[in-house]
Amino acid sequence: MPTVIHFPTENVPPAPEPCALTDLIRDELFHLSSNEYMVNCILERMKPFIATLDCDLELDVEITPENEEGVLQMIPSVQALQTRFDGIISEIISERILHEIHLFHIERASKL
């Protein structure tokens, strides 16, 4: 009976802890035709970046009968600010992903 020699594989780093932002970045990387090894390497490098962005930006406002009308008038402005903030964060994430892909390919090419 012939001996089966397994194809050598690279050590794939463990996948980072999942969170909504990690899942978003993982999906974007797979959309850009990245393989599992590349995705895990990039996500591992991006851990501090993801931790920085993964924060709660809730607006803690106590509504009292005296300030209820003013708070309700602020809601559209706060929603518009949130929309602009989400757009800016999305652009930052996209730029970082492209940068990390570029770094990954440079590192891989330098090892050859």
PDB file of N, CA and C in Angstrom:
ATOM      1  N   MET A   1       0.846  -1.172   0.000  1.00  0.00           N
ATOM      2  CA  MET A   1       0.000   0.000   0.000  1.00  0.00           C
ATOM      3  C   MET A   1       0.894   1.238   0.000  1.00  0.00           C
ATOM      4  N   PRO A   2       0.619   2.222  -0.863  1.00  0.00           N
ATOM      5  CA  PRO A   2       1.472   3.409  -0.936  1.00  0.00           C
ATOM      6  C   PRO A   2       1.325   4.302   0.295  1.00  0.00           C
ATOM      7  N   THR A   3       2.412   4.953   0.592  1.00  0.00           N
ATOM      8  CA  THR A   3       2.397   5.891   1.711  1.00  0.00           C
ATOM      9  C   THR A   3       1.870   7.238   1.230  1.00  0.00           C
ATOM     10  N   VAL A   4       0.946   7.794   1.989  1.00  0.00           N
ATOM     11  CA  VAL A   4       0.387   9.096   1.630  1.00  0.00           C
ATOM     12  C   VAL A   4       1.210  10.176   2.315  1.00  0.00           C
ATOM     13  N   ILE A   5       1.749  11.051   1.507  1.00  0.00           N
ATOM     14  CA  ILE A   5       2.509  12.181   2.055  1.00  0.00           C
ATOM     15  C   ILE A   5       1.587  13.391   2.006  1.00  0.00           C
ATOM     16  N   HIS A   6       1.300  13.914   3.170  1.00  0.00           N
ATOM     17  CA  HIS A   6       0.398  15.055   3.249  1.00  0.00           C
ATOM     18  C   HIS A   6       1.061  16.315   2.704  1.00  0.00           C
ATOM     19  N   PHE A   7       0.278  17.083   1.992  1.00  0.00           N
ATOM     20  CA  PHE A   7       0.771  18.340   1.437  1.00  0.00           C
ATOM     21  C   PHE A   7       1.128  19.284   2.579  1.00  0.00           C
ATOM     22  N   PRO A   8       2.320  19.904   2.531  1.00  0.00           N
ATOM     23  CA  PRO A   8       2.688  20.801   3.630  1.00  0.00           C
ATOM     24  C   PRO A   8       1.767  22.036   3.654  1.00  0.00           C
ATOM     25  N   THR A   9       1.394  22.415   4.847  1.00  0.00           N
ATOM     26  CA  THR A   9       0.544  23.603   5.002  1.00  0.00           C
ATOM     27  C   THR A   9       1.240  24.571   5.945  1.00  0.00           C
ATOM     28  N   GLU A  10       0.860  25.801   5.805  1.00  0.00           N
ATOM     29  CA  GLU A  10       1.420  26.811   6.691  1.00  0.00           C
ATOM     30  C   GLU A  10       0.683  26.765   8.022  1.00  0.00           C
ATOM     31  N   ASN A  11       1.357  27.212   9.069  1.00  0.00           N
ATOM     32  CA  ASN A  11       0.693  27.324  10.361  1.00  0.00           C
ATOM     33  C   ASN A  11      -0.269  28.499  10.297  1.00  0.00           C
ATOM     34  N   VAL A  12      -1.543  28.203  10.373  1.00  0.00           N
ATOM     35  CA  VAL A  12      -2.550  29.256  10.307  1.00  0.00           C
ATOM     36  C   VAL A  12      -2.759  29.791  11.716  1.00  0.00           C
ATOM     37  N   PRO A  13      -2.578  31.114  11.896  1.00  0.00           N
ATOM     38  CA  PRO A  13      -2.779  31.666  13.235  1.00  0.00           C
ATOM     39  C   PRO A  13      -4.238  31.521  13.647  1.00  0.00           C
ATOM     40  N   PRO A  14      -4.491  31.422  14.960  1.00  0.00           N
ATOM     41  CA  PRO A  14      -5.878  31.280  15.399  1.00  0.00           C
ATOM     42  C   PRO A  14      -6.686  32.526  15.053  1.00  0.00           C
ATOM     43  N   ALA A  15      -7.949  32.325  14.787  1.00  0.00           N
ATOM     44  CA  ALA A  15      -8.821  33.454  14.462  1.00  0.00           C
ATOM     45  C   ALA A  15      -9.058  34.290  15.714  1.00  0.00           C
ATOM     46  N   PRO A  16      -9.044  35.620  15.578  1.00  0.00           N
ATOM     47  CA  PRO A  16      -9.307  36.481  16.731  1.00  0.00           C
ATOM     48  C   PRO A  16     -10.731  36.308  17.245  1.00  0.00           C
ATOM     49  N   GLU A  17     -10.952  36.763  18.491  1.00  0.00           N
ATOM     50  CA  GLU A  17     -12.279  36.690  19.095  1.00  0.00           C
ATOM     51  C   GLU A  17     -13.276  37.418  18.202  1.00  0.00           C
ATOM     52  N   PRO A  18     -14.413  36.799  17.946  1.00  0.00           N
ATOM     53  CA  PRO A  18     -15.380  37.473  17.064  1.00  0.00           C
ATOM     54  C   PRO A  18     -16.106  38.623  17.768  1.00  0.00           C
ATOM     55  N   CYS A  19     -16.281  39.694  17.058  1.00  0.00           N
ATOM     56  CA  CYS A  19     -17.130  40.804  17.469  1.00  0.00           C
ATOM     57  C   CYS A  19     -17.710  41.358  16.176  1.00  0.00           C
ATOM     58  N   ALA A  20     -18.641  42.253  16.282  1.00  0.00           N
ATOM     59  CA  ALA A  20     -19.295  42.765  15.076  1.00  0.00           C
ATOM     60  C   ALA A  20     -18.283  43.380  14.117  1.00  0.00           C
ATOM     61  N   LEU A  21     -17.320  44.123  14.653  1.00  0.00           N
ATOM     62  CA  LEU A  21     -16.320  44.777  13.817  1.00  0.00           C
ATOM     63  C   LEU A  21     -15.379  43.753  13.182  1.00  0.00           C
ATOM     64  N   THR A  22     -14.984  42.750  13.952  1.00  0.00           N
ATOM     65  CA  THR A  22     -14.132  41.686  13.419  1.00  0.00           C
ATOM     66  C   THR A  22     -14.853  40.948  12.293  1.00  0.00           C
ATOM     67  N   ASP A  23     -16.132  40.654  12.507  1.00  0.00           N
ATOM     68  CA  ASP A  23     -16.914  39.979  11.473  1.00  0.00           C
ATOM     69  C   ASP A  23     -17.022  40.830  10.215  1.00  0.00           C
ATOM     70  N   LEU A  24     -17.218  42.136  10.377  1.00  0.00           N
ATOM     71  CA  LEU A  24     -17.305  43.042   9.235  1.00  0.00           C
ATOM     72  C   LEU A  24     -16.007  43.039   8.433  1.00  0.00           C
ATOM     73  N   ILE A  25     -14.878  43.114   9.143  1.00  0.00           N
ATOM     74  CA  ILE A  25     -13.567  43.123   8.488  1.00  0.00           C
ATOM     75  C   ILE A  25     -13.300  41.771   7.823  1.00  0.00           C
ATOM     76  N   ARG A  26     -13.645  40.683   8.513  1.00  0.00           N
ATOM     77  CA  ARG A  26     -13.461  39.341   7.942  1.00  0.00           C
ATOM     78  C   ARG A  26     -14.258  39.214   6.644  1.00  0.00           C
ATOM     79  N   ASP A  27     -15.519  39.663   6.655  1.00  0.00           N
ATOM     80  CA  ASP A  27     -16.353  39.596   5.451  1.00  0.00           C
ATOM     81  C   ASP A  27     -15.751  40.425   4.321  1.00  0.00           C
ATOM     82  N   GLU A  28     -15.258  41.603   4.657  1.00  0.00           N
ATOM     83  CA  GLU A  28     -14.662  42.474   3.636  1.00  0.00           C
ATOM     84  C   GLU A  28     -13.412  41.815   3.036  1.00  0.00           C
ATOM     85  N   LEU A  29     -12.593  41.199   3.877  1.00  0.00           N
ATOM     86  CA  LEU A  29     -11.392  40.530   3.378  1.00  0.00           C
ATOM     87  C   LEU A  29     -11.752  39.352   2.477  1.00  0.00           C
ATOM     88  N   PHE A  30     -12.744  38.576   2.865  1.00  0.00           N
ATOM     89  CA  PHE A  30     -13.158  37.463   2.010  1.00  0.00           C
ATOM     90  C   PHE A  30     -13.774  37.975   0.714  1.00  0.00           C
ATOM     91  N   HIS A  31     -14.460  39.090   0.787  1.00  0.00           N
ATOM     92  CA  HIS A  31     -15.022  39.703  -0.421  1.00  0.00           C
ATOM     93  C   HIS A  31     -13.907  40.115  -1.391  1.00  0.00           C
ATOM     94  N   LEU A  32     -12.757  40.478  -0.839  1.00  0.00           N
ATOM     95  CA  LEU A  32     -11.614  40.877  -1.654  1.00  0.00           C
ATOM     96  C   LEU A  32     -10.750  39.672  -2.036  1.00  0.00           C
ATOM     97  N   SER A  33     -11.320  38.484  -1.956  1.00  0.00           N
ATOM     98  CA  SER A  33     -10.675  37.238  -2.385  1.00  0.00           C
ATOM     99  C   SER A  33      -9.456  36.863  -1.548  1.00  0.00           C
ATOM    100  N   SER A  34      -9.512  37.122  -0.280  1.00  0.00           N
ATOM    101  CA  SER A  34      -8.425  36.716   0.612  1.00  0.00           C
ATOM    102  C   SER A  34      -8.666  35.278   1.060  1.00  0.00           C
ATOM    103  N   ASN A  35      -7.567  34.554   1.340  1.00  0.00           N
ATOM    104  CA  ASN A  35      -7.732  33.200   1.858  1.00  0.00           C
ATOM    105  C   ASN A  35      -7.749  33.235   3.390  1.00  0.00           C
ATOM    106  N   GLU A  36      -8.066  32.102   4.000  1.00  0.00           N
ATOM    107  CA  GLU A  36      -8.219  32.030   5.468  1.00  0.00           C
ATOM    108  C   GLU A  36      -6.927  32.433   6.183  1.00  0.00           C
ATOM    109  N   TYR A  37      -5.787  31.983   5.677  1.00  0.00           N
ATOM    110  CA  TYR A  37      -4.505  32.328   6.293  1.00  0.00           C
ATOM    111  C   TYR A  37      -4.290  33.839   6.288  1.00  0.00           C
ATOM    112  N   MET A  38      -4.522  34.456   5.140  1.00  0.00           N
ATOM    113  CA  MET A  38      -4.343  35.907   5.011  1.00  0.00           C
ATOM    114  C   MET A  38      -5.309  36.648   5.928  1.00  0.00           C
ATOM    115  N   VAL A  39      -6.554  36.237   5.956  1.00  0.00           N
ATOM    116  CA  VAL A  39      -7.565  36.881   6.802  1.00  0.00           C
ATOM    117  C   VAL A  39      -7.153  36.821   8.263  1.00  0.00           C
ATOM    118  N   ASN A  40      -6.734  35.645   8.725  1.00  0.00           N
ATOM    119  CA  ASN A  40      -6.343  35.503  10.129  1.00  0.00           C
ATOM    120  C   ASN A  40      -5.101  36.313  10.465  1.00  0.00           C
ATOM    121  N   CYS A  41      -4.135  36.359   9.548  1.00  0.00           N
ATOM    122  CA  CYS A  41      -2.932  37.176   9.781  1.00  0.00           C
ATOM    123  C   CYS A  41      -3.296  38.654   9.906  1.00  0.00           C
ATOM    124  N   ILE A  42      -4.119  39.117   8.984  1.00  0.00           N
ATOM    125  CA  ILE A  42      -4.494  40.534   8.999  1.00  0.00           C
ATOM    126  C   ILE A  42      -5.335  40.855  10.227  1.00  0.00           C
ATOM    127  N   LEU A  43      -6.283  39.988  10.571  1.00  0.00           N
ATOM    128  CA  LEU A  43      -7.102  40.243  11.762  1.00  0.00           C
ATOM    129  C   LEU A  43      -6.259  40.236  13.033  1.00  0.00           C
ATOM    130  N   GLU A  44      -5.267  39.371  13.076  1.00  0.00           N
ATOM    131  CA  GLU A  44      -4.380  39.332  14.247  1.00  0.00           C
ATOM    132  C   GLU A  44      -3.619  40.652  14.389  1.00  0.00           C
ATOM    133  N   ARG A  45      -3.108  41.165  13.261  1.00  0.00           N
ATOM    134  CA  ARG A  45      -2.394  42.447  13.282  1.00  0.00           C
ATOM    135  C   ARG A  45      -3.319  43.602  13.620  1.00  0.00           C
ATOM    136  N   MET A  46      -4.592  43.467  13.268  1.00  0.00           N
ATOM    137  CA  MET A  46      -5.547  44.561  13.460  1.00  0.00           C
ATOM    138  C   MET A  46      -6.219  44.553  14.832  1.00  0.00           C
ATOM    139  N   LYS A  47      -5.875  43.597  15.691  1.00  0.00           N
ATOM    140  CA  LYS A  47      -6.516  43.507  17.013  1.00  0.00           C
ATOM    141  C   LYS A  47      -6.515  44.835  17.784  1.00  0.00           C
ATOM    142  N   PRO A  48      -5.368  45.519  17.907  1.00  0.00           N
ATOM    143  CA  PRO A  48      -5.391  46.799  18.651  1.00  0.00           C
ATOM    144  C   PRO A  48      -6.294  47.843  17.973  1.00  0.00           C
ATOM    145  N   PHE A  49      -6.283  47.866  16.650  1.00  0.00           N
ATOM    146  CA  PHE A  49      -7.124  48.793  15.901  1.00  0.00           C
ATOM    147  C   PHE A  49      -8.602  48.494  16.145  1.00  0.00           C
ATOM    148  N   ILE A  50      -8.958  47.218  16.100  1.00  0.00           N
ATOM    149  CA  ILE A  50     -10.346  46.813  16.328  1.00  0.00           C
ATOM    150  C   ILE A  50     -10.761  47.151  17.750  1.00  0.00           C
ATOM    151  N   ALA A  51      -9.882  46.897  18.706  1.00  0.00           N
ATOM    152  CA  ALA A  51     -10.205  47.211  20.103  1.00  0.00           C
ATOM    153  C   ALA A  51     -10.441  48.702  20.300  1.00  0.00           C
ATOM    154  N   THR A  52      -9.696  49.526  19.572  1.00  0.00           N
ATOM    155  CA  THR A  52      -9.863  50.981  19.672  1.00  0.00           C
ATOM    156  C   THR A  52     -11.232  51.408  19.166  1.00  0.00           C
ATOM    157  N   LEU A  53     -11.680  50.790  18.068  1.00  0.00           N
ATOM    158  CA  LEU A  53     -12.948  51.178  17.463  1.00  0.00           C
ATOM    159  C   LEU A  53     -14.152  50.506  18.102  1.00  0.00           C
ATOM    160  N   ASP A  54     -13.941  49.411  18.797  1.00  0.00           N
ATOM    161  CA  ASP A  54     -15.043  48.661  19.388  1.00  0.00           C
ATOM    162  C   ASP A  54     -15.393  49.246  20.746  1.00  0.00           C
ATOM    163  N   CYS A  55     -16.045  50.391  20.714  1.00  0.00           N
ATOM    164  CA  CYS A  55     -16.404  51.058  21.958  1.00  0.00           C
ATOM    165  C   CYS A  55     -17.866  51.488  21.910  1.00  0.00           C
ATOM    166  N   ASP A  56     -18.400  51.748  23.051  1.00  0.00           N
ATOM    167  CA  ASP A  56     -19.796  52.140  23.172  1.00  0.00           C
ATOM    168  C   ASP A  56     -19.880  53.663  23.181  1.00  0.00           C
ATOM    169  N   LEU A  57     -20.566  54.209  22.210  1.00  0.00           N
ATOM    170  CA  LEU A  57     -20.696  55.665  22.118  1.00  0.00           C
ATOM    171  C   LEU A  57     -22.115  56.124  22.440  1.00  0.00           C
ATOM    172  N   GLU A  58     -22.730  55.432  23.386  1.00  0.00           N
ATOM    173  CA  GLU A  58     -24.079  55.816  23.763  1.00  0.00           C
ATOM    174  C   GLU A  58     -24.085  57.211  24.357  1.00  0.00           C
ATOM    175  N   LEU A  59     -25.161  57.906  24.102  1.00  0.00           N
ATOM    176  CA  LEU A  59     -25.344  59.243  24.648  1.00  0.00           C
ATOM    177  C   LEU A  59     -26.208  59.096  25.887  1.00  0.00           C
ATOM    178  N   ASP A  60     -25.606  59.259  27.026  1.00  0.00           N
ATOM    179  CA  ASP A  60     -26.339  59.131  28.288  1.00  0.00           C
ATOM    180  C   ASP A  60     -26.951  60.475  28.646  1.00  0.00           C
ATOM    181  N   VAL A  61     -28.239  60.569  28.424  1.00  0.00           N
ATOM    182  CA  VAL A  61     -28.962  61.796  28.739  1.00  0.00           C
ATOM    183  C   VAL A  61     -30.162  61.422  29.591  1.00  0.00           C
ATOM    184  N   GLU A  62     -30.273  62.095  30.690  1.00  0.00           N
ATOM    185  CA  GLU A  62     -31.435  61.866  31.545  1.00  0.00           C
ATOM    186  C   GLU A  62     -32.545  62.801  31.093  1.00  0.00           C
ATOM    187  N   ILE A  63     -33.671  62.209  30.753  1.00  0.00           N
ATOM    188  CA  ILE A  63     -34.802  63.020  30.304  1.00  0.00           C
ATOM    189  C   ILE A  63     -35.702  63.304  31.497  1.00  0.00           C
ATOM    190  N   THR A  64     -35.872  64.563  31.741  1.00  0.00           N
ATOM    191  CA  THR A  64     -36.758  65.028  32.804  1.00  0.00           C
ATOM    192  C   THR A  64     -37.875  65.839  32.155  1.00  0.00           C
ATOM    193  N   PRO A  65     -38.939  66.085  32.874  1.00  0.00           N
ATOM    194  CA  PRO A  65     -40.008  66.909  32.293  1.00  0.00           C
ATOM    195  C   PRO A  65     -39.509  68.290  31.844  1.00  0.00           C
ATOM    196  N   GLU A  66     -38.505  68.808  32.514  1.00  0.00           N
ATOM    197  CA  GLU A  66     -37.983  70.136  32.171  1.00  0.00           C
ATOM    198  C   GLU A  66     -37.168  70.132  30.871  1.00  0.00           C
ATOM    199  N   ASN A  67     -36.444  69.059  30.600  1.00  0.00           N
ATOM    200  CA  ASN A  67     -35.570  69.055  29.418  1.00  0.00           C
ATOM    201  C   ASN A  67     -36.085  68.169  28.276  1.00  0.00           C
ATOM    202  N   GLU A  68     -37.230  67.550  28.447  1.00  0.00           N
ATOM    203  CA  GLU A  68     -37.740  66.607  27.448  1.00  0.00           C
ATOM    204  C   GLU A  68     -37.873  67.236  26.062  1.00  0.00           C
ATOM    205  N   GLU A  69     -38.416  68.416  25.961  1.00  0.00           N
ATOM    206  CA  GLU A  69     -38.611  69.055  24.659  1.00  0.00           C
ATOM    207  C   GLU A  69     -37.270  69.341  23.981  1.00  0.00           C
ATOM    208  N   GLY A  70     -36.301  69.844  24.731  1.00  0.00           N
ATOM    209  CA  GLY A  70     -34.973  70.132  24.171  1.00  0.00           C
ATOM    210  C   GLY A  70     -34.262  68.873  23.706  1.00  0.00           C
ATOM    211  N   VAL A  71     -34.381  67.805  24.497  1.00  0.00           N
ATOM    212  CA  VAL A  71     -33.744  66.538  24.129  1.00  0.00           C
ATOM    213  C   VAL A  71     -34.374  65.996  22.847  1.00  0.00           C
ATOM    214  N   LEU A  72     -35.680  66.045  22.733  1.00  0.00           N
ATOM    215  CA  LEU A  72     -36.363  65.559  21.537  1.00  0.00           C
ATOM    216  C   LEU A  72     -35.974  66.372  20.306  1.00  0.00           C
ATOM    217  N   GLN A  73     -35.712  67.655  20.477  1.00  0.00           N
ATOM    218  CA  GLN A  73     -35.291  68.497  19.356  1.00  0.00           C
ATOM    219  C   GLN A  73     -33.875  68.157  18.900  1.00  0.00           C
ATOM    220  N   MET A  74     -33.061  67.621  19.804  1.00  0.00           N
ATOM    221  CA  MET A  74     -31.680  67.264  19.474  1.00  0.00           C
ATOM    222  C   MET A  74     -31.560  65.945  18.714  1.00  0.00           C
ATOM    223  N   ILE A  75     -32.573  65.104  18.774  1.00  0.00           N
ATOM    224  CA  ILE A  75     -32.489  63.760  18.205  1.00  0.00           C
ATOM    225  C   ILE A  75     -32.092  63.765  16.729  1.00  0.00           C
ATOM    226  N   PRO A  76     -32.698  64.575  15.859  1.00  0.00           N
ATOM    227  CA  PRO A  76     -32.270  64.554  14.453  1.00  0.00           C
ATOM    228  C   PRO A  76     -30.798  64.944  14.267  1.00  0.00           C
ATOM    229  N   SER A  77     -30.320  65.887  15.042  1.00  0.00           N
ATOM    230  CA  SER A  77     -28.915  66.294  14.940  1.00  0.00           C
ATOM    231  C   SER A  77     -27.984  65.174  15.404  1.00  0.00           C
ATOM    232  N   VAL A  78     -28.360  64.496  16.463  1.00  0.00           N
ATOM    233  CA  VAL A  78     -27.550  63.384  16.971  1.00  0.00           C
ATOM    234  C   VAL A  78     -27.547  62.241  15.962  1.00  0.00           C
ATOM    235  N   GLN A  79     -28.691  61.968  15.335  1.00  0.00           N
ATOM    236  CA  GLN A  79     -28.756  60.912  14.324  1.00  0.00           C
ATOM    237  C   GLN A  79     -27.893  61.260  13.104  1.00  0.00           C
ATOM    238  N   ALA A  80     -27.920  62.515  12.692  1.00  0.00           N
ATOM    239  CA  ALA A  80     -27.091  62.946  11.559  1.00  0.00           C
ATOM    240  C   ALA A  80     -25.614  62.813  11.904  1.00  0.00           C
ATOM    241  N   LEU A  81     -25.246  63.186  13.126  1.00  0.00           N
ATOM    242  CA  LEU A  81     -23.859  63.053  13.577  1.00  0.00           C
ATOM    243  C   LEU A  81     -23.442  61.582  13.580  1.00  0.00           C
ATOM    244  N   GLN A  82     -24.340  60.703  14.039  1.00  0.00           N
ATOM    245  CA  GLN A  82     -24.046  59.270  14.054  1.00  0.00           C
ATOM    246  C   GLN A  82     -23.827  58.742  12.642  1.00  0.00           C
ATOM    247  N   THR A  83     -24.650  59.194  11.703  1.00  0.00           N
ATOM    248  CA  THR A  83     -24.510  58.765  10.310  1.00  0.00           C
ATOM    249  C   THR A  83     -23.167  59.217   9.739  1.00  0.00           C
ATOM    250  N   ARG A  84     -22.780  60.464   9.995  1.00  0.00           N
ATOM    251  CA  ARG A  84     -21.478  60.952   9.513  1.00  0.00           C
ATOM    252  C   ARG A  84     -20.340  60.185  10.177  1.00  0.00           C
ATOM    253  N   PHE A  85     -20.471  59.944  11.469  1.00  0.00           N
ATOM    254  CA  PHE A  85     -19.446  59.215  12.203  1.00  0.00           C
ATOM    255  C   PHE A  85     -19.302  57.793  11.645  1.00  0.00           C
ATOM    256  N   ASP A  86     -20.424  57.108  11.385  1.00  0.00           N
ATOM    257  CA  ASP A  86     -20.382  55.753  10.816  1.00  0.00           C
ATOM    258  C   ASP A  86     -19.693  55.745   9.456  1.00  0.00           C
ATOM    259  N   GLY A  87     -19.966  56.764   8.636  1.00  0.00           N
ATOM    260  CA  GLY A  87     -19.331  56.863   7.324  1.00  0.00           C
ATOM    261  C   GLY A  87     -17.825  57.045   7.434  1.00  0.00           C
ATOM    262  N   ILE A  88     -17.403  57.901   8.347  1.00  0.00           N
ATOM    263  CA  ILE A  88     -15.972  58.145   8.549  1.00  0.00           C
ATOM    264  C   ILE A  88     -15.276  56.874   9.035  1.00  0.00           C
ATOM    265  N   ILE A  89     -15.887  56.189  10.000  1.00  0.00           N
ATOM    266  CA  ILE A  89     -15.297  54.952  10.523  1.00  0.00           C
ATOM    267  C   ILE A  89     -15.212  53.898   9.415  1.00  0.00           C
ATOM    268  N   SER A  90     -16.235  53.799   8.583  1.00  0.00           N
ATOM    269  CA  SER A  90     -16.203  52.837   7.471  1.00  0.00           C
ATOM    270  C   SER A  90     -15.059  53.140   6.516  1.00  0.00           C
ATOM    271  N   GLU A  91     -14.852  54.422   6.217  1.00  0.00           N
ATOM    272  CA  GLU A  91     -13.741  54.802   5.341  1.00  0.00           C
ATOM    273  C   GLU A  91     -12.392  54.470   5.978  1.00  0.00           C
ATOM    274  N   ILE A  92     -12.266  54.721   7.262  1.00  0.00           N
ATOM    275  CA  ILE A  92     -11.013  54.414   7.972  1.00  0.00           C
ATOM    276  C   ILE A  92     -10.755  52.911   7.946  1.00  0.00           C
ATOM    277  N   ILE A  93     -11.783  52.120   8.197  1.00  0.00           N
ATOM    278  CA  ILE A  93     -11.633  50.662   8.183  1.00  0.00           C
ATOM    279  C   ILE A  93     -11.238  50.183   6.793  1.00  0.00           C
ATOM    280  N   SER A  94     -11.892  50.700   5.766  1.00  0.00           N
ATOM    281  CA  SER A  94     -11.576  50.292   4.393  1.00  0.00           C
ATOM    282  C   SER A  94     -10.128  50.619   4.037  1.00  0.00           C
ATOM    283  N   GLU A  95      -9.676  51.805   4.389  1.00  0.00           N
ATOM    284  CA  GLU A  95      -8.289  52.191   4.118  1.00  0.00           C
ATOM    285  C   GLU A  95      -7.319  51.290   4.871  1.00  0.00           C
ATOM    286  N   ARG A  96      -7.638  50.972   6.117  1.00  0.00           N
ATOM    287  CA  ARG A  96      -6.765  50.116   6.919  1.00  0.00           C
ATOM    288  C   ARG A  96      -6.702  48.714   6.328  1.00  0.00           C
ATOM    289  N   ILE A  97      -7.847  48.191   5.873  1.00  0.00           N
ATOM    290  CA  ILE A  97      -7.868  46.860   5.265  1.00  0.00           C
ATOM    291  C   ILE A  97      -6.987  46.826   4.025  1.00  0.00           C
ATOM    292  N   LEU A  98      -7.117  47.828   3.160  1.00  0.00           N
ATOM    293  CA  LEU A  98      -6.286  47.877   1.954  1.00  0.00           C
ATOM    294  C   LEU A  98      -4.807  47.983   2.317  1.00  0.00           C
ATOM    295  N   HIS A  99      -4.498  48.764   3.338  1.00  0.00           N
ATOM    296  CA  HIS A  99      -3.112  48.905   3.798  1.00  0.00           C
ATOM    297  C   HIS A  99      -2.584  47.559   4.313  1.00  0.00           C
ATOM    298  N   GLU A 100      -3.390  46.871   5.095  1.00  0.00           N
ATOM    299  CA  GLU A 100      -2.958  45.582   5.644  1.00  0.00           C
ATOM    300  C   GLU A 100      -2.766  44.540   4.546  1.00  0.00           C
ATOM    301  N   ILE A 101      -3.630  44.538   3.545  1.00  0.00           N
ATOM    302  CA  ILE A 101      -3.467  43.613   2.416  1.00  0.00           C
ATOM    303  C   ILE A 101      -2.143  43.895   1.708  1.00  0.00           C
ATOM    304  N   HIS A 102      -1.862  45.167   1.492  1.00  0.00           N
ATOM    305  CA  HIS A 102      -0.606  45.570   0.854  1.00  0.00           C
ATOM    306  C   HIS A 102       0.591  45.099   1.690  1.00  0.00           C
ATOM    307  N   LEU A 103       0.547  45.323   2.999  1.00  0.00           N
ATOM    308  CA  LEU A 103       1.638  44.876   3.884  1.00  0.00           C
ATOM    309  C   LEU A 103       1.789  43.362   3.851  1.00  0.00           C
ATOM    310  N   PHE A 104       0.681  42.656   3.852  1.00  0.00           N
ATOM    311  CA  PHE A 104       0.725  41.194   3.816  1.00  0.00           C
ATOM    312  C   PHE A 104       1.476  40.709   2.580  1.00  0.00           C
ATOM    313  N   HIS A 105       1.143  41.283   1.432  1.00  0.00           N
ATOM    314  CA  HIS A 105       1.792  40.853   0.185  1.00  0.00           C
ATOM    315  C   HIS A 105       3.271  41.243   0.160  1.00  0.00           C
ATOM    316  N   ILE A 106       3.615  42.394   0.714  1.00  0.00           N
ATOM    317  CA  ILE A 106       5.025  42.795   0.789  1.00  0.00           C
ATOM    318  C   ILE A 106       5.797  41.821   1.671  1.00  0.00           C
ATOM    319  N   GLU A 107       5.225  41.478   2.838  1.00  0.00           N
ATOM    320  CA  GLU A 107       5.901  40.539   3.743  1.00  0.00           C
ATOM    321  C   GLU A 107       6.069  39.161   3.102  1.00  0.00           C
ATOM    322  N   ARG A 108       5.039  38.700   2.411  1.00  0.00           N
ATOM    323  CA  ARG A 108       5.114  37.401   1.754  1.00  0.00           C
ATOM    324  C   ARG A 108       6.165  37.414   0.650  1.00  0.00           C
ATOM    325  N   ALA A 109       6.223  38.495  -0.112  1.00  0.00           N
ATOM    326  CA  ALA A 109       7.189  38.585  -1.206  1.00  0.00           C
ATOM    327  C   ALA A 109       8.621  38.656  -0.670  1.00  0.00           C
ATOM    328  N   SER A 110       8.803  39.301   0.482  1.00  0.00           N
ATOM    329  CA  SER A 110      10.157  39.429   1.025  1.00  0.00           C
ATOM    330  C   SER A 110      10.663  38.119   1.607  1.00  0.00           C
ATOM    331  N   LYS A 111       9.748  37.184   1.926  1.00  0.00           N
ATOM    332  CA  LYS A 111      10.153  35.874   2.462  1.00  0.00           C
ATOM    333  C   LYS A 111      10.579  34.900   1.370  1.00  0.00           C
ATOM    334  N   LEU A 112      10.205  35.222   0.132  1.00  0.00           N
ATOM    335  CA  LEU A 112      10.550  34.313  -0.973  1.00  0.00           C
ATOM    336  C   LEU A 112      11.940  34.445  -1.391  1.00  0.00           C
TER     337      LEU A 112
END
